Amino acid sequence: MRALAILSTVAFACSAAVKPVPYVAKPSVPADNGCRAAYAEYDTEWRIARTDDLREHMEGYEGLMEEILVSELANTPSRAELITLREIYAVIEAFLWNAPWPRALKAADEAIARCGELSLRP
């Protein structure tokens, strides 16, 4: 009989209503500091410059070219990558400042400044 009383007490205690967890609002998304626009510009300029390079060696492989672009544009480049690319394209930038690669590198700099180094697409 005593065991039955203990079991019924435990059963009653376990079936008691649990207080719901109070709603905690998620922090608001920080205001866009120009990241989306900078990333969009980076995407556009990088795509133009890289497509010109890839087209020379991959004519007829447009699907593969697009896969390369998508993987490269998934995040912003690192500053170290930009330094290497600037060294490669230094001659072009000196004489053709408005060529695709100088514009792409400038847009990448701005995207890194607004979104962060190696940041994912917003």
PDB file of N, CA and C in Angstrom:
ATOM      1  N   MET A   1       0.821  -1.175   0.000  1.00  0.00           N
ATOM      2  CA  MET A   1       0.000   0.000   0.000  1.00  0.00           C
ATOM      3  C   MET A   1       0.884   1.265   0.000  1.00  0.00           C
ATOM      4  N   ARG A   2       1.914   1.205   0.795  1.00  0.00           N
ATOM      5  CA  ARG A   2       2.825   2.340   0.875  1.00  0.00           C
ATOM      6  C   ARG A   2       3.504   2.567  -0.473  1.00  0.00           C
ATOM      7  N   ALA A   3       3.883   1.481  -1.162  1.00  0.00           N
ATOM      8  CA  ALA A   3       4.503   1.577  -2.479  1.00  0.00           C
ATOM      9  C   ALA A   3       3.541   2.214  -3.470  1.00  0.00           C
ATOM     10  N   LEU A   4       2.264   1.871  -3.363  1.00  0.00           N
ATOM     11  CA  LEU A   4       1.256   2.444  -4.249  1.00  0.00           C
ATOM     12  C   LEU A   4       1.134   3.952  -4.006  1.00  0.00           C
ATOM     13  N   ALA A   5       1.212   4.369  -2.783  1.00  0.00           N
ATOM     14  CA  ALA A   5       1.124   5.797  -2.456  1.00  0.00           C
ATOM     15  C   ALA A   5       2.328   6.547  -3.011  1.00  0.00           C
ATOM     16  N   ILE A   6       3.520   5.931  -2.922  1.00  0.00           N
ATOM     17  CA  ILE A   6       4.732   6.565  -3.450  1.00  0.00           C
ATOM     18  C   ILE A   6       4.653   6.657  -4.967  1.00  0.00           C
ATOM     19  N   LEU A   7       4.205   5.554  -5.606  1.00  0.00           N
ATOM     20  CA  LEU A   7       4.074   5.555  -7.068  1.00  0.00           C
ATOM     21  C   LEU A   7       3.071   6.587  -7.545  1.00  0.00           C
ATOM     22  N   SER A   8       1.945   6.700  -6.863  1.00  0.00           N
ATOM     23  CA  SER A   8       0.947   7.666  -7.301  1.00  0.00           C
ATOM     24  C   SER A   8       1.457   9.097  -7.092  1.00  0.00           C
ATOM     25  N   THR A   9       2.229   9.315  -6.040  1.00  0.00           N
ATOM     26  CA  THR A   9       2.809  10.641  -5.806  1.00  0.00           C
ATOM     27  C   THR A   9       3.811  10.996  -6.895  1.00  0.00           C
ATOM     28  N   VAL A  10       4.669  10.027  -7.228  1.00  0.00           N
ATOM     29  CA  VAL A  10       5.657  10.246  -8.284  1.00  0.00           C
ATOM     30  C   VAL A  10       4.960  10.479  -9.614  1.00  0.00           C
ATOM     31  N   ALA A  11       3.947   9.681  -9.921  1.00  0.00           N
ATOM     32  CA  ALA A  11       3.218   9.833 -11.181  1.00  0.00           C
ATOM     33  C   ALA A  11       2.550  11.200 -11.257  1.00  0.00           C
ATOM     34  N   PHE A  12       1.957  11.639 -10.151  1.00  0.00           N
ATOM     35  CA  PHE A  12       1.310  12.942 -10.130  1.00  0.00           C
ATOM     36  C   PHE A  12       2.332  14.063 -10.319  1.00  0.00           C
ATOM     37  N   ALA A  13       3.474  13.919  -9.669  1.00  0.00           N
ATOM     38  CA  ALA A  13       4.518  14.941  -9.770  1.00  0.00           C
ATOM     39  C   ALA A  13       5.080  15.023 -11.180  1.00  0.00           C
ATOM     40  N   CYS A  14       5.228  13.859 -11.815  1.00  0.00           N
ATOM     41  CA  CYS A  14       5.787  13.853 -13.169  1.00  0.00           C
ATOM     42  C   CYS A  14       4.808  14.376 -14.204  1.00  0.00           C
ATOM     43  N   SER A  15       3.517  14.221 -13.936  1.00  0.00           N
ATOM     44  CA  SER A  15       2.533  14.668 -14.921  1.00  0.00           C
ATOM     45  C   SER A  15       2.132  16.117 -14.712  1.00  0.00           C
ATOM     46  N   ALA A  16       2.647  16.751 -13.692  1.00  0.00           N
ATOM     47  CA  ALA A  16       2.315  18.153 -13.432  1.00  0.00           C
ATOM     48  C   ALA A  16       2.778  19.012 -14.594  1.00  0.00           C
ATOM     49  N   ALA A  17       2.053  20.042 -14.848  1.00  0.00           N
ATOM     50  CA  ALA A  17       2.374  20.926 -15.966  1.00  0.00           C
ATOM     51  C   ALA A  17       3.731  21.592 -15.752  1.00  0.00           C
ATOM     52  N   VAL A  18       4.521  21.585 -16.792  1.00  0.00           N
ATOM     53  CA  VAL A  18       5.825  22.226 -16.754  1.00  0.00           C
ATOM     54  C   VAL A  18       5.645  23.646 -17.246  1.00  0.00           C
ATOM     55  N   LYS A  19       6.240  24.564 -16.530  1.00  0.00           N
ATOM     56  CA  LYS A  19       6.146  25.953 -16.958  1.00  0.00           C
ATOM     57  C   LYS A  19       6.857  26.118 -18.288  1.00  0.00           C
ATOM     58  N   PRO A  20       6.235  26.809 -19.237  1.00  0.00           N
ATOM     59  CA  PRO A  20       6.903  27.022 -20.523  1.00  0.00           C
ATOM     60  C   PRO A  20       8.102  27.946 -20.350  1.00  0.00           C
ATOM     61  N   VAL A  21       9.084  27.719 -21.169  1.00  0.00           N
ATOM     62  CA  VAL A  21      10.278  28.562 -21.148  1.00  0.00           C
ATOM     63  C   VAL A  21       9.882  29.932 -21.671  1.00  0.00           C
ATOM     64  N   PRO A  22      10.254  30.978 -20.961  1.00  0.00           N
ATOM     65  CA  PRO A  22       9.880  32.315 -21.431  1.00  0.00           C
ATOM     66  C   PRO A  22      10.520  32.610 -22.793  1.00  0.00           C
ATOM     67  N   TYR A  23       9.806  33.341 -23.619  1.00  0.00           N
ATOM     68  CA  TYR A  23      10.284  33.702 -24.955  1.00  0.00           C
ATOM     69  C   TYR A  23      11.393  34.736 -24.820  1.00  0.00           C
ATOM     70  N   VAL A  24      12.512  34.428 -25.439  1.00  0.00           N
ATOM     71  CA  VAL A  24      13.627  35.365 -25.453  1.00  0.00           C
ATOM     72  C   VAL A  24      13.827  35.785 -26.905  1.00  0.00           C
ATOM     73  N   ALA A  25      13.689  37.047 -27.159  1.00  0.00           N
ATOM     74  CA  ALA A  25      13.837  37.553 -28.527  1.00  0.00           C
ATOM     75  C   ALA A  25      15.280  37.394 -28.982  1.00  0.00           C
ATOM     76  N   LYS A  26      15.436  36.972 -30.229  1.00  0.00           N
ATOM     77  CA  LYS A  26      16.779  36.869 -30.795  1.00  0.00           C
ATOM     78  C   LYS A  26      17.295  38.275 -31.057  1.00  0.00           C
ATOM     79  N   PRO A  27      18.598  38.452 -30.926  1.00  0.00           N
ATOM     80  CA  PRO A  27      19.125  39.786 -31.214  1.00  0.00           C
ATOM     81  C   PRO A  27      18.844  40.150 -32.665  1.00  0.00           C
ATOM     82  N   SER A  28      18.551  41.388 -32.872  1.00  0.00           N
ATOM     83  CA  SER A  28      18.253  41.825 -34.232  1.00  0.00           C
ATOM     84  C   SER A  28      19.497  41.729 -35.099  1.00  0.00           C
ATOM     85  N   VAL A  29      19.258  41.540 -36.370  1.00  0.00           N
ATOM     86  CA  VAL A  29      20.358  41.461 -37.332  1.00  0.00           C
ATOM     87  C   VAL A  29      20.994  42.839 -37.417  1.00  0.00           C
ATOM     88  N   PRO A  30      22.318  42.904 -37.320  1.00  0.00           N
ATOM     89  CA  PRO A  30      22.945  44.219 -37.371  1.00  0.00           C
ATOM     90  C   PRO A  30      22.666  44.906 -38.708  1.00  0.00           C
ATOM     91  N   ALA A  31      22.635  46.187 -38.651  1.00  0.00           N
ATOM     92  CA  ALA A  31      22.380  46.958 -39.867  1.00  0.00           C
ATOM     93  C   ALA A  31      23.465  46.660 -40.903  1.00  0.00           C
ATOM     94  N   ASP A  32      23.049  46.578 -42.145  1.00  0.00           N
ATOM     95  CA  ASP A  32      24.001  46.298 -43.228  1.00  0.00           C
ATOM     96  C   ASP A  32      24.918  47.504 -43.385  1.00  0.00           C
ATOM     97  N   ASN A  33      26.203  47.263 -43.266  1.00  0.00           N
ATOM     98  CA  ASN A  33      27.179  48.346 -43.375  1.00  0.00           C
ATOM     99  C   ASN A  33      27.677  48.491 -44.806  1.00  0.00           C
ATOM    100  N   GLY A  34      26.883  48.033 -45.749  1.00  0.00           N
ATOM    101  CA  GLY A  34      27.289  48.081 -47.143  1.00  0.00           C
ATOM    102  C   GLY A  34      27.874  46.767 -47.611  1.00  0.00           C
ATOM    103  N   CYS A  35      27.807  45.742 -46.775  1.00  0.00           N
ATOM    104  CA  CYS A  35      28.392  44.447 -47.108  1.00  0.00           C
ATOM    105  C   CYS A  35      27.733  43.834 -48.346  1.00  0.00           C
ATOM    106  N   ARG A  36      26.420  43.832 -48.382  1.00  0.00           N
ATOM    107  CA  ARG A  36      25.724  43.204 -49.523  1.00  0.00           C
ATOM    108  C   ARG A  36      26.086  43.873 -50.850  1.00  0.00           C
ATOM    109  N   ALA A  37      26.089  45.183 -50.854  1.00  0.00           N
ATOM    110  CA  ALA A  37      26.427  45.906 -52.077  1.00  0.00           C
ATOM    111  C   ALA A  37      27.883  45.669 -52.468  1.00  0.00           C
ATOM    112  N   ALA A  38      28.771  45.686 -51.484  1.00  0.00           N
ATOM    113  CA  ALA A  38      30.192  45.454 -51.765  1.00  0.00           C
ATOM    114  C   ALA A  38      30.418  44.036 -52.269  1.00  0.00           C
ATOM    115  N   TYR A  39      29.718  43.082 -51.679  1.00  0.00           N
ATOM    116  CA  TYR A  39      29.871  41.689 -52.106  1.00  0.00           C
ATOM    117  C   TYR A  39      29.315  41.498 -53.513  1.00  0.00           C
ATOM    118  N   ALA A  40      28.209  42.152 -53.812  1.00  0.00           N
ATOM    119  CA  ALA A  40      27.630  42.063 -55.156  1.00  0.00           C
ATOM    120  C   ALA A  40      28.585  42.638 -56.197  1.00  0.00           C
ATOM    121  N   GLU A  41      29.223  43.755 -55.862  1.00  0.00           N
ATOM    122  CA  GLU A  41      30.208  44.364 -56.772  1.00  0.00           C
ATOM    123  C   GLU A  41      31.405  43.436 -56.958  1.00  0.00           C
ATOM    124  N   TYR A  42      31.870  42.857 -55.862  1.00  0.00           N
ATOM    125  CA  TYR A  42      32.978  41.887 -55.923  1.00  0.00           C
ATOM    126  C   TYR A  42      32.598  40.704 -56.813  1.00  0.00           C
ATOM    127  N   ASP A  43      31.401  40.180 -56.626  1.00  0.00           N
ATOM    128  CA  ASP A  43      30.924  39.041 -57.428  1.00  0.00           C
ATOM    129  C   ASP A  43      30.940  39.388 -58.912  1.00  0.00           C
ATOM    130  N   THR A  44      30.408  40.544 -59.246  1.00  0.00           N
ATOM    131  CA  THR A  44      30.326  40.965 -60.652  1.00  0.00           C
ATOM    132  C   THR A  44      31.713  41.149 -61.266  1.00  0.00           C
ATOM    133  N   GLU A  45      32.561  41.913 -60.598  1.00  0.00           N
ATOM    134  CA  GLU A  45      33.883  42.211 -61.157  1.00  0.00           C
ATOM    135  C   GLU A  45      34.776  40.972 -61.203  1.00  0.00           C
ATOM    136  N   TRP A  46      34.721  40.147 -60.171  1.00  0.00           N
ATOM    137  CA  TRP A  46      35.535  38.930 -60.143  1.00  0.00           C
ATOM    138  C   TRP A  46      35.094  37.986 -61.256  1.00  0.00           C
ATOM    139  N   ARG A  47      33.785  37.865 -61.430  1.00  0.00           N
ATOM    140  CA  ARG A  47      33.239  36.981 -62.464  1.00  0.00           C
ATOM    141  C   ARG A  47      33.717  37.420 -63.852  1.00  0.00           C
ATOM    142  N   ILE A  48      33.727  38.708 -64.108  1.00  0.00           N
ATOM    143  CA  ILE A  48      34.180  39.214 -65.407  1.00  0.00           C
ATOM    144  C   ILE A  48      35.655  38.885 -65.621  1.00  0.00           C
ATOM    145  N   ALA A  49      36.488  39.219 -64.636  1.00  0.00           N
ATOM    146  CA  ALA A  49      37.938  39.010 -64.772  1.00  0.00           C
ATOM    147  C   ALA A  49      38.269  37.526 -64.870  1.00  0.00           C
ATOM    148  N   ARG A  50      37.686  36.733 -64.008  1.00  0.00           N
ATOM    149  CA  ARG A  50      38.017  35.298 -63.975  1.00  0.00           C
ATOM    150  C   ARG A  50      37.492  34.581 -65.212  1.00  0.00           C
ATOM    151  N   THR A  51      36.331  34.980 -65.695  1.00  0.00           N
ATOM    152  CA  THR A  51      35.781  34.368 -66.911  1.00  0.00           C
ATOM    153  C   THR A  51      36.697  34.625 -68.092  1.00  0.00           C
ATOM    154  N   ASP A  52      37.243  35.842 -68.191  1.00  0.00           N
ATOM    155  CA  ASP A  52      38.195  36.140 -69.269  1.00  0.00           C
ATOM    156  C   ASP A  52      39.402  35.206 -69.205  1.00  0.00           C
ATOM    157  N   ASP A  53      39.926  34.989 -67.995  1.00  0.00           N
ATOM    158  CA  ASP A  53      41.069  34.083 -67.835  1.00  0.00           C
ATOM    159  C   ASP A  53      40.704  32.641 -68.171  1.00  0.00           C
ATOM    160  N   LEU A  54      39.599  32.194 -67.637  1.00  0.00           N
ATOM    161  CA  LEU A  54      39.208  30.791 -67.840  1.00  0.00           C
ATOM    162  C   LEU A  54      38.842  30.495 -69.294  1.00  0.00           C
ATOM    163  N   ARG A  55      38.235  31.459 -69.939  1.00  0.00           N
ATOM    164  CA  ARG A  55      37.792  31.249 -71.318  1.00  0.00           C
ATOM    165  C   ARG A  55      38.975  30.918 -72.235  1.00  0.00           C
ATOM    166  N   GLU A  56      40.138  31.494 -71.963  1.00  0.00           N
ATOM    167  CA  GLU A  56      41.325  31.221 -72.776  1.00  0.00           C
ATOM    168  C   GLU A  56      41.711  29.749 -72.748  1.00  0.00           C
ATOM    169  N   HIS A  57      41.512  29.106 -71.603  1.00  0.00           N
ATOM    170  CA  HIS A  57      41.985  27.730 -71.436  1.00  0.00           C
ATOM    171  C   HIS A  57      40.877  26.690 -71.390  1.00  0.00           C
ATOM    172  N   MET A  58      39.633  27.125 -71.245  1.00  0.00           N
ATOM    173  CA  MET A  58      38.551  26.169 -71.053  1.00  0.00           C
ATOM    174  C   MET A  58      37.395  26.386 -72.019  1.00  0.00           C
ATOM    175  N   GLU A  59      37.706  26.807 -73.202  1.00  0.00           N
ATOM    176  CA  GLU A  59      36.666  27.024 -74.213  1.00  0.00           C
ATOM    177  C   GLU A  59      35.851  25.746 -74.384  1.00  0.00           C
ATOM    178  N   GLY A  60      34.548  25.863 -74.302  1.00  0.00           N
ATOM    179  CA  GLY A  60      33.671  24.714 -74.456  1.00  0.00           C
ATOM    180  C   GLY A  60      33.322  24.020 -73.146  1.00  0.00           C
ATOM    181  N   TYR A  61      33.902  24.455 -72.056  1.00  0.00           N
ATOM    182  CA  TYR A  61      33.632  23.860 -70.742  1.00  0.00           C
ATOM    183  C   TYR A  61      32.954  24.887 -69.832  1.00  0.00           C
ATOM    184  N   GLU A  62      31.888  25.494 -70.335  1.00  0.00           N
ATOM    185  CA  GLU A  62      31.218  26.560 -69.596  1.00  0.00           C
ATOM    186  C   GLU A  62      30.667  26.071 -68.252  1.00  0.00           C
ATOM    187  N   GLY A  63      30.160  24.841 -68.201  1.00  0.00           N
ATOM    188  CA  GLY A  63      29.640  24.302 -66.949  1.00  0.00           C
ATOM    189  C   GLY A  63      30.721  24.200 -65.884  1.00  0.00           C
ATOM    190  N   LEU A  64      31.898  23.738 -66.285  1.00  0.00           N
ATOM    191  CA  LEU A  64      33.016  23.638 -65.359  1.00  0.00           C
ATOM    192  C   LEU A  64      33.511  25.024 -64.942  1.00  0.00           C
ATOM    193  N   MET A  65      33.499  25.953 -65.890  1.00  0.00           N
ATOM    194  CA  MET A  65      33.888  27.328 -65.574  1.00  0.00           C
ATOM    195  C   MET A  65      32.952  27.907 -64.506  1.00  0.00           C
ATOM    196  N   GLU A  66      31.662  27.651 -64.650  1.00  0.00           N
ATOM    197  CA  GLU A  66      30.689  28.160 -63.680  1.00  0.00           C
ATOM    198  C   GLU A  66      30.904  27.532 -62.305  1.00  0.00           C
ATOM    199  N   GLU A  67      31.232  26.250 -62.258  1.00  0.00           N
ATOM    200  CA  GLU A  67      31.515  25.593 -60.974  1.00  0.00           C
ATOM    201  C   GLU A  67      32.716  26.240 -60.289  1.00  0.00           C
ATOM    202  N   ILE A  68      33.741  26.549 -61.072  1.00  0.00           N
ATOM    203  CA  ILE A  68      34.926  27.203 -60.513  1.00  0.00           C
ATOM    204  C   ILE A  68      34.548  28.573 -59.947  1.00  0.00           C
ATOM    205  N   LEU A  69      33.775  29.334 -60.714  1.00  0.00           N
ATOM    206  CA  LEU A  69      33.361  30.659 -60.261  1.00  0.00           C
ATOM    207  C   LEU A  69      32.514  30.588 -58.998  1.00  0.00           C
ATOM    208  N   VAL A  70      31.581  29.662 -58.953  1.00  0.00           N
ATOM    209  CA  VAL A  70      30.724  29.530 -57.772  1.00  0.00           C
ATOM    210  C   VAL A  70      31.556  29.196 -56.546  1.00  0.00           C
ATOM    211  N   SER A  71      32.525  28.293 -56.699  1.00  0.00           N
ATOM    212  CA  SER A  71      33.349  27.933 -55.539  1.00  0.00           C
ATOM    213  C   SER A  71      34.245  29.097 -55.118  1.00  0.00           C
ATOM    214  N   GLU A  72      34.765  29.846 -56.065  1.00  0.00           N
ATOM    215  CA  GLU A  72      35.622  30.988 -55.724  1.00  0.00           C
ATOM    216  C   GLU A  72      34.824  32.133 -55.095  1.00  0.00           C
ATOM    217  N   LEU A  73      33.584  32.299 -55.525  1.00  0.00           N
ATOM    218  CA  LEU A  73      32.778  33.424 -55.054  1.00  0.00           C
ATOM    219  C   LEU A  73      31.928  33.082 -53.832  1.00  0.00           C
ATOM    220  N   ALA A  74      32.109  31.901 -53.266  1.00  0.00           N
ATOM    221  CA  ALA A  74      31.339  31.514 -52.084  1.00  0.00           C
ATOM    222  C   ALA A  74      31.714  32.368 -50.876  1.00  0.00           C
ATOM    223  N   ASN A  75      32.917  32.886 -50.879  1.00  0.00           N
ATOM    224  CA  ASN A  75      33.353  33.776 -49.801  1.00  0.00           C
ATOM    225  C   ASN A  75      34.368  34.771 -50.353  1.00  0.00           C
ATOM    226  N   THR A  76      34.641  35.786 -49.556  1.00  0.00           N
ATOM    227  CA  THR A  76      35.636  36.767 -49.989  1.00  0.00           C
ATOM    228  C   THR A  76      37.029  36.139 -49.910  1.00  0.00           C
ATOM    229  N   PRO A  77      37.941  36.599 -50.735  1.00  0.00           N
ATOM    230  CA  PRO A  77      39.298  36.038 -50.689  1.00  0.00           C
ATOM    231  C   PRO A  77      40.043  36.517 -49.446  1.00  0.00           C
ATOM    232  N   SER A  78      41.175  35.897 -49.200  1.00  0.00           N
ATOM    233  CA  SER A  78      42.016  36.362 -48.093  1.00  0.00           C
ATOM    234  C   SER A  78      42.896  37.505 -48.592  1.00  0.00           C
ATOM    235  N   ARG A  79      43.392  38.271 -47.679  1.00  0.00           N
ATOM    236  CA  ARG A  79      44.296  39.371 -48.055  1.00  0.00           C
ATOM    237  C   ARG A  79      45.580  38.822 -48.677  1.00  0.00           C
ATOM    238  N   ALA A  80      46.022  37.654 -48.212  1.00  0.00           N
ATOM    239  CA  ALA A  80      47.231  37.033 -48.774  1.00  0.00           C
ATOM    240  C   ALA A  80      47.009  36.665 -50.238  1.00  0.00           C
ATOM    241  N   GLU A  81      45.820  36.163 -50.562  1.00  0.00           N
ATOM    242  CA  GLU A  81      45.512  35.844 -51.963  1.00  0.00           C
ATOM    243  C   GLU A  81      45.518  37.097 -52.820  1.00  0.00           C
ATOM    244  N   LEU A  82      44.988  38.174 -52.280  1.00  0.00           N
ATOM    245  CA  LEU A  82      44.973  39.427 -53.039  1.00  0.00           C
ATOM    246  C   LEU A  82      46.378  39.958 -53.275  1.00  0.00           C
ATOM    247  N   ILE A  83      47.247  39.807 -52.298  1.00  0.00           N
ATOM    248  CA  ILE A  83      48.638  40.247 -52.473  1.00  0.00           C
ATOM    249  C   ILE A  83      49.289  39.485 -53.618  1.00  0.00           C
ATOM    250  N   THR A  84      49.087  38.172 -53.644  1.00  0.00           N
ATOM    251  CA  THR A  84      49.650  37.342 -54.718  1.00  0.00           C
ATOM    252  C   THR A  84      49.083  37.754 -56.075  1.00  0.00           C
ATOM    253  N   LEU A  85      47.777  37.943 -56.149  1.00  0.00           N
ATOM    254  CA  LEU A  85      47.157  38.343 -57.414  1.00  0.00           C
ATOM    255  C   LEU A  85      47.627  39.730 -57.850  1.00  0.00           C
ATOM    256  N   ARG A  86      47.804  40.631 -56.908  1.00  0.00           N
ATOM    257  CA  ARG A  86      48.300  41.970 -57.255  1.00  0.00           C
ATOM    258  C   ARG A  86      49.701  41.904 -57.853  1.00  0.00           C
ATOM    259  N   GLU A  87      50.543  41.024 -57.320  1.00  0.00           N
ATOM    260  CA  GLU A  87      51.883  40.846 -57.875  1.00  0.00           C
ATOM    261  C   GLU A  87      51.806  40.331 -59.308  1.00  0.00           C
ATOM    262  N   ILE A  88      50.895  39.405 -59.549  1.00  0.00           N
ATOM    263  CA  ILE A  88      50.741  38.830 -60.893  1.00  0.00           C
ATOM    264  C   ILE A  88      50.253  39.884 -61.877  1.00  0.00           C
ATOM    265  N   TYR A  89      49.291  40.694 -61.450  1.00  0.00           N
ATOM    266  CA  TYR A  89      48.664  41.648 -62.356  1.00  0.00           C
ATOM    267  C   TYR A  89      49.196  43.077 -62.203  1.00  0.00           C
ATOM    268  N   ALA A  90      50.347  43.246 -61.584  1.00  0.00           N
ATOM    269  CA  ALA A  90      50.904  44.582 -61.344  1.00  0.00           C
ATOM    270  C   ALA A  90      51.160  45.341 -62.643  1.00  0.00           C
ATOM    271  N   VAL A  91      51.677  44.659 -63.645  1.00  0.00           N
ATOM    272  CA  VAL A  91      51.971  45.325 -64.920  1.00  0.00           C
ATOM    273  C   VAL A  91      50.673  45.780 -65.582  1.00  0.00           C
ATOM    274  N   ILE A  92      49.672  44.931 -65.543  1.00  0.00           N
ATOM    275  CA  ILE A  92      48.391  45.298 -66.146  1.00  0.00           C
ATOM    276  C   ILE A  92      47.815  46.512 -65.432  1.00  0.00           C
ATOM    277  N   GLU A  93      47.863  46.492 -64.099  1.00  0.00           N
ATOM    278  CA  GLU A  93      47.291  47.595 -63.328  1.00  0.00           C
ATOM    279  C   GLU A  93      48.033  48.909 -63.578  1.00  0.00           C
ATOM    280  N   ALA A  94      49.329  48.829 -63.809  1.00  0.00           N
ATOM    281  CA  ALA A  94      50.116  50.040 -64.048  1.00  0.00           C
ATOM    282  C   ALA A  94      49.716  50.730 -65.351  1.00  0.00           C
ATOM    283  N   PHE A  95      49.397  49.946 -66.362  1.00  0.00           N
ATOM    284  CA  PHE A  95      49.093  50.524 -67.673  1.00  0.00           C
ATOM    285  C   PHE A  95      47.608  50.530 -68.016  1.00  0.00           C
ATOM    286  N   LEU A  96      46.883  49.559 -67.510  1.00  0.00           N
ATOM    287  CA  LEU A  96      45.456  49.453 -67.813  1.00  0.00           C
ATOM    288  C   LEU A  96      44.678  49.405 -66.499  1.00  0.00           C
ATOM    289  N   TRP A  97      44.617  50.513 -65.798  1.00  0.00           N
ATOM    290  CA  TRP A  97      44.002  50.565 -64.474  1.00  0.00           C
ATOM    291  C   TRP A  97      42.532  50.185 -64.481  1.00  0.00           C
ATOM    292  N   ASN A  98      41.880  50.299 -65.631  1.00  0.00           N
ATOM    293  CA  ASN A  98      40.458  49.972 -65.708  1.00  0.00           C
ATOM    294  C   ASN A  98      40.225  48.591 -66.330  1.00  0.00           C
ATOM    295  N   ALA A  99      41.250  47.776 -66.432  1.00  0.00           N
ATOM    296  CA  ALA A  99      41.119  46.416 -66.950  1.00  0.00           C
ATOM    297  C   ALA A  99      40.349  45.570 -65.930  1.00  0.00           C
ATOM    298  N   PRO A 100      39.853  44.394 -66.336  1.00  0.00           N
ATOM    299  CA  PRO A 100      39.032  43.579 -65.423  1.00  0.00           C
ATOM    300  C   PRO A 100      39.700  43.214 -64.096  1.00  0.00           C
ATOM    301  N   TRP A 101      40.960  42.781 -64.108  1.00  0.00           N
ATOM    302  CA  TRP A 101      41.567  42.354 -62.842  1.00  0.00           C
ATOM    303  C   TRP A 101      41.791  43.487 -61.856  1.00  0.00           C
ATOM    304  N   PRO A 102      42.302  44.629 -62.259  1.00  0.00           N
ATOM    305  CA  PRO A 102      42.409  45.718 -61.273  1.00  0.00           C
ATOM    306  C   PRO A 102      41.057  46.089 -60.659  1.00  0.00           C
ATOM    307  N   ARG A 103      39.989  46.094 -61.471  1.00  0.00           N
ATOM    308  CA  ARG A 103      38.654  46.382 -60.939  1.00  0.00           C
ATOM    309  C   ARG A 103      38.207  45.282 -59.981  1.00  0.00           C
ATOM    310  N   ALA A 104      38.489  44.020 -60.330  1.00  0.00           N
ATOM    311  CA  ALA A 104      38.101  42.897 -59.468  1.00  0.00           C
ATOM    312  C   ALA A 104      38.844  42.947 -58.136  1.00  0.00           C
ATOM    313  N   LEU A 105      40.120  43.264 -58.181  1.00  0.00           N
ATOM    314  CA  LEU A 105      40.906  43.337 -56.947  1.00  0.00           C
ATOM    315  C   LEU A 105      40.447  44.493 -56.059  1.00  0.00           C
ATOM    316  N   LYS A 106      40.103  45.610 -56.677  1.00  0.00           N
ATOM    317  CA  LYS A 106      39.590  46.747 -55.913  1.00  0.00           C
ATOM    318  C   LYS A 106      38.248  46.396 -55.267  1.00  0.00           C
ATOM    319  N   ALA A 107      37.380  45.717 -56.027  1.00  0.00           N
ATOM    320  CA  ALA A 107      36.084  45.304 -55.480  1.00  0.00           C
ATOM    321  C   ALA A 107      36.256  44.275 -54.360  1.00  0.00           C
ATOM    322  N   ALA A 108      37.244  43.389 -54.500  1.00  0.00           N
ATOM    323  CA  ALA A 108      37.522  42.403 -53.449  1.00  0.00           C
ATOM    324  C   ALA A 108      38.000  43.103 -52.179  1.00  0.00           C
ATOM    325  N   ASP A 109      38.851  44.125 -52.322  1.00  0.00           N
ATOM    326  CA  ASP A 109      39.302  44.907 -51.164  1.00  0.00           C
ATOM    327  C   ASP A 109      38.118  45.521 -50.418  1.00  0.00           C
ATOM    328  N   GLU A 110      37.211  46.092 -51.178  1.00  0.00           N
ATOM    329  CA  GLU A 110      36.047  46.741 -50.570  1.00  0.00           C
ATOM    330  C   GLU A 110      35.146  45.708 -49.888  1.00  0.00           C
ATOM    331  N   ALA A 111      34.960  44.548 -50.519  1.00  0.00           N
ATOM    332  CA  ALA A 111      34.139  43.492 -49.915  1.00  0.00           C
ATOM    333  C   ALA A 111      34.769  42.989 -48.621  1.00  0.00           C
ATOM    334  N   ILE A 112      36.097  42.855 -48.601  1.00  0.00           N
ATOM    335  CA  ILE A 112      36.776  42.436 -47.368  1.00  0.00           C
ATOM    336  C   ILE A 112      36.612  43.506 -46.293  1.00  0.00           C
ATOM    337  N   ALA A 113      36.734  44.761 -46.677  1.00  0.00           N
ATOM    338  CA  ALA A 113      36.588  45.856 -45.715  1.00  0.00           C
ATOM    339  C   ALA A 113      35.182  45.891 -45.121  1.00  0.00           C
ATOM    340  N   ARG A 114      34.170  45.624 -45.931  1.00  0.00           N
ATOM    341  CA  ARG A 114      32.773  45.703 -45.470  1.00  0.00           C
ATOM    342  C   ARG A 114      32.287  44.418 -44.814  1.00  0.00           C
ATOM    343  N   CYS A 115      32.731  43.264 -45.349  1.00  0.00           N
ATOM    344  CA  CYS A 115      32.189  41.976 -44.904  1.00  0.00           C
ATOM    345  C   CYS A 115      33.157  41.163 -44.056  1.00  0.00           C
ATOM    346  N   GLY A 116      34.447  41.403 -44.221  1.00  0.00           N
ATOM    347  CA  GLY A 116      35.445  40.637 -43.496  1.00  0.00           C
ATOM    348  C   GLY A 116      36.177  39.676 -44.424  1.00  0.00           C
ATOM    349  N   GLU A 117      37.381  39.345 -44.033  1.00  0.00           N
ATOM    350  CA  GLU A 117      38.223  38.433 -44.807  1.00  0.00           C
ATOM    351  C   GLU A 117      37.650  37.016 -44.743  1.00  0.00           C
ATOM    352  N   LEU A 118      37.563  36.361 -45.880  1.00  0.00           N
ATOM    353  CA  LEU A 118      37.058  34.992 -46.014  1.00  0.00           C
ATOM    354  C   LEU A 118      35.620  34.842 -45.529  1.00  0.00           C
ATOM    355  N   SER A 119      34.850  35.918 -45.549  1.00  0.00           N
ATOM    356  CA  SER A 119      33.456  35.843 -45.093  1.00  0.00           C
ATOM    357  C   SER A 119      32.583  35.226 -46.175  1.00  0.00           C
ATOM    358  N   LEU A 120      31.553  34.531 -45.726  1.00  0.00           N
ATOM    359  CA  LEU A 120      30.628  33.881 -46.649  1.00  0.00           C
ATOM    360  C   LEU A 120      29.737  34.925 -47.313  1.00  0.00           C
ATOM    361  N   ARG A 121      29.182  34.529 -48.431  1.00  0.00           N
ATOM    362  CA  ARG A 121      28.258  35.406 -49.170  1.00  0.00           C
ATOM    363  C   ARG A 121      27.105  35.798 -48.245  1.00  0.00           C
ATOM    364  N   PRO A 122      26.804  37.098 -48.153  1.00  0.00           N
ATOM    365  CA  PRO A 122      25.703  37.522 -47.267  1.00  0.00           C
ATOM    366  C   PRO A 122      24.343  37.142 -47.836  1.00  0.00           C
TER     367      PRO A 122
END
